[in-house]
Amino acid sequence: RERATHASHVWDFFKPDHTVEYPTVDGALSQTCYYRALEDCYLRFCDKLERLNEDDDAFDATSPDYWVFHAPYNKLVQKSYARLFLLDQRRRR
């Protein structure tokens, strides 16, 4: 089973005061962290699959039947999917 992971120590979403119901969120930083994690995981995953399947066609954003993204709002999903195609173009150079 192939997979790729990403972790970073960033305070974009945290709950400093446990008496308050909602966490503290830095939206811009959180979105940047999400894109960074998406790119890192996707590129690692592509590298793994290409090393394992040397005879097959290269893996790209159109290879899977579907993708599952974190979806706090629709534009993030659309931009994330588009970003995979951008990463594919960069990998092919």
Protein backbone atom coordinates (compact mmCIF):
# COMPACT_ATOMS: atom_id res chain seq x y z
CA ARG A 1 0.00 0.00 0.00
CA GLU A 2 1.57 3.25 -1.13
CA ARG A 3 1.14 6.47 0.79
CA ALA A 4 2.89 9.73 1.49
CA THR A 5 2.76 11.91 4.57
CA HIS A 6 3.67 15.45 5.53
CA ALA A 7 4.01 17.11 8.93
CA SER A 8 5.05 20.58 9.99
CA HIS A 9 5.07 22.37 13.31
CA VAL A 10 2.97 25.47 12.61
CA TRP A 11 0.59 27.39 14.85
CA ASP A 12 -2.05 28.10 12.21
CA PHE A 13 -4.90 26.41 14.09
CA PHE A 14 -4.75 26.05 17.87
CA LYS A 15 -6.79 26.41 21.03
CA PRO A 16 -4.80 28.47 23.54
CA ASP A 17 -7.78 29.04 25.85
CA HIS A 18 -9.67 25.85 26.70
CA THR A 19 -12.55 27.80 28.22
CA VAL A 20 -13.46 29.20 24.79
CA GLU A 21 -15.40 26.98 22.43
CA TYR A 22 -13.63 27.95 19.20
CA PRO A 23 -9.93 27.72 18.29
CA THR A 24 -7.68 30.52 17.11
CA VAL A 25 -7.20 30.30 13.36
CA ASP A 26 -4.79 32.12 11.05
CA GLY A 27 -6.65 31.52 7.78
CA ALA A 28 -3.96 32.71 5.37
CA LEU A 29 -1.24 30.71 7.11
CA SER A 30 -3.53 27.68 7.32
CA GLN A 31 -4.18 27.78 3.57
CA THR A 32 -0.47 28.14 2.83
CA CYS A 33 0.26 25.14 5.06
CA TYR A 34 -2.45 23.13 3.31
CA TYR A 35 -1.01 23.82 -0.15
CA ARG A 36 2.51 23.05 1.05
CA ALA A 37 1.33 19.73 2.50
CA LEU A 38 -0.63 18.90 -0.66
CA GLU A 39 2.38 19.56 -2.87
CA ASP A 40 4.77 17.62 -0.66
CA CYS A 41 2.48 14.59 -0.36
CA TYR A 42 1.62 14.55 -4.06
CA LEU A 43 5.24 14.76 -5.20
CA ARG A 44 6.36 12.09 -2.72
CA PHE A 45 3.48 9.85 -3.76
CA CYS A 46 4.29 10.27 -7.47
CA ASP A 47 7.95 9.48 -6.84
CA LYS A 48 7.07 6.32 -4.93
CA LEU A 49 4.69 5.06 -7.58
CA GLU A 50 7.10 5.75 -10.40
CA ARG A 51 9.89 3.89 -8.61
CA LEU A 52 7.60 0.89 -8.00
CA ASN A 53 6.05 0.85 -11.48
CA GLU A 54 9.00 1.47 -13.77
CA ASP A 55 7.39 -0.29 -16.73
CA ASP A 56 3.99 1.44 -16.54
CA ASP A 57 2.97 4.91 -17.61
CA ALA A 58 3.91 7.76 -15.30
CA PHE A 59 1.47 8.60 -12.55
CA ASP A 60 -0.28 11.97 -12.89
CA ALA A 61 -3.37 13.82 -11.67
CA THR A 62 -5.62 11.95 -14.11
CA SER A 63 -4.48 8.48 -13.02
CA PRO A 64 -6.76 7.89 -9.99
CA ASP A 65 -10.50 7.38 -10.34
CA TYR A 66 -11.14 10.13 -7.80
CA TRP A 67 -9.42 12.47 -5.34
CA VAL A 68 -10.50 13.34 -1.81
CA PHE A 69 -9.63 16.81 -0.53
CA HIS A 70 -10.24 18.67 2.71
CA ALA A 71 -13.22 20.88 1.83
CA PRO A 72 -13.85 23.79 4.22
CA TYR A 73 -14.97 25.76 1.13
CA ASN A 74 -15.35 24.91 -2.57
CA LYS A 75 -12.57 27.08 -3.97
CA LEU A 76 -9.96 25.22 -1.92
CA VAL A 77 -10.99 21.95 -3.59
CA GLN A 78 -10.93 23.48 -7.08
CA LYS A 79 -7.56 25.14 -6.52
CA SER A 80 -6.09 21.98 -4.98
CA TYR A 81 -7.10 19.88 -7.96
CA ALA A 82 -5.70 22.47 -10.37
CA ARG A 83 -2.48 22.56 -8.37
CA LEU A 84 -1.94 18.83 -9.03
CA PHE A 85 -1.92 19.55 -12.77
CA LEU A 86 0.54 22.39 -12.24
CA LEU A 87 2.79 20.04 -10.30
CA ASP A 88 2.54 17.48 -13.11
CA GLN A 89 3.72 20.09 -15.60
CA ARG A 90 6.67 21.01 -13.39
CA ARG A 91 7.61 17.33 -12.98
CA ARG A 92 7.64 16.75 -16.74
CA ARG A 93 10.22 19.47 -17.41
